[in-house]
Amino acid sequence: MSIWELLLAFVVVVLMLVALLANVLVLMCFLYSADIRKQVPGLFILNLTFCNLLMAVSSMPLTLAGIIYKSQPAGDPVCHAVGFLETFLTTSSMLSMAALSIDRWIAVVFPLSYHSKMRFRDAALILSYTWLHSASFPIVAASLSWVGFHHLYASCTLYNKRPEDRTQFVIFTGVFHTLSFLLSLVVLCFTYLKVLKVARFHCKRIDVITMQTLVLLVDIHPSVRERCLEEQRRRRQRATKKISTFIGTFILCFAPYVITRLVELSSVVPINAHWGIISKCLAYSKAVSDPFVYSLLRHQYKKTWKDILNKVLKRSSINSSALAGEAHSRNLPQLNE
């Protein structure tokens, strides 16, 4: 193996381990906290978490083996199953992010009617459509034998080995990425930009009230005034940073891989094998970033996993104290003798 291949294999191992740890932590928070389970967006986050976990235990290990052995790491049935699952999970995770953005849009733009427009039944219907949409493409690909080991990405994925099917495969791939990546990106941009517009409007209203208050409070200390102005600046930047993170991570992780797949079909520009694996690793990195972007960095999840950690540490300290007390009681008869 070359130094590049060793480095890429190391990256896949790190992505796989971090994705497993972070998504398991999200799942533990969901199971531990009743408040999180009561929230409608929790269904979308749960679906996204399961997609990321399955990706980490199915597709990533085979890609790692493909990089190491430079060939198909398993038999055709296993490779076809993993390729089918990878296509389904990738599409489902993209649509789950779009569903989360729709939920935020309804909550921010229509706050008074949110509970009537986004109920658990509505979320279940959206998830049902997500699964149906995600399953349709790999079913078609599997029925036409367009799933297999692709050396350019060192993974089991969509792949056409028959030259006579090239035109049909190009059309299928274009439609697939249009209705998965592009559709999700359009929904993300539309909904989050609407949310940003409302957030900026509310920030302006708060800023006007704050400035009027500062003008009326003539004797206010300069340090307090400066803190109020600093909080204004942070408030204006907070919504922009969050929305930029949601859209930016989606584009950064998925766009290089999707563009590479489309350029590959044109057969005009040769694609470096290392770049093919790098673009695949960027797509895998979404399974690492999602738990932090959508869950673990939020206050409610922070509080929950800290409570879990404190509970585990408290229980272990109680067990240690009990063992120490038992050992001490055993030693007492020996001392009396």
Foldseek 3Di string as FASTA:
>chain_A
DDPLLVVLLVLLVVLLVLLQVLLVLQVVLCVQDPVLVQDLLSVLLVLLSVLLNCCSPQWSVQLSCCSVVVDRPDDWVSLLVSQLSNQLSLLLNLLSLLVSLVLLLCCQVVVVCSCVVRDNVNSVVSSVVSNVLSNPLSVVQVVVVQWQQDSLQSTTHGHDPDPVCLVVSLVSLVVSCCVRLVVSLVSLVVSLVSNLVSQVVVLVVVVVVLVVVPVVCVVDDPVVVVVSVVVSVCSNVVSVVLSCVSNVLSCQQQVQQSVVVNVVSVVPDDDDSSSSNVSVSSVSCCSSCSSVSPPCVDPSSVVSSVVVVVVVVVVVVVVVVVVVVVVVVVCVVVVVD
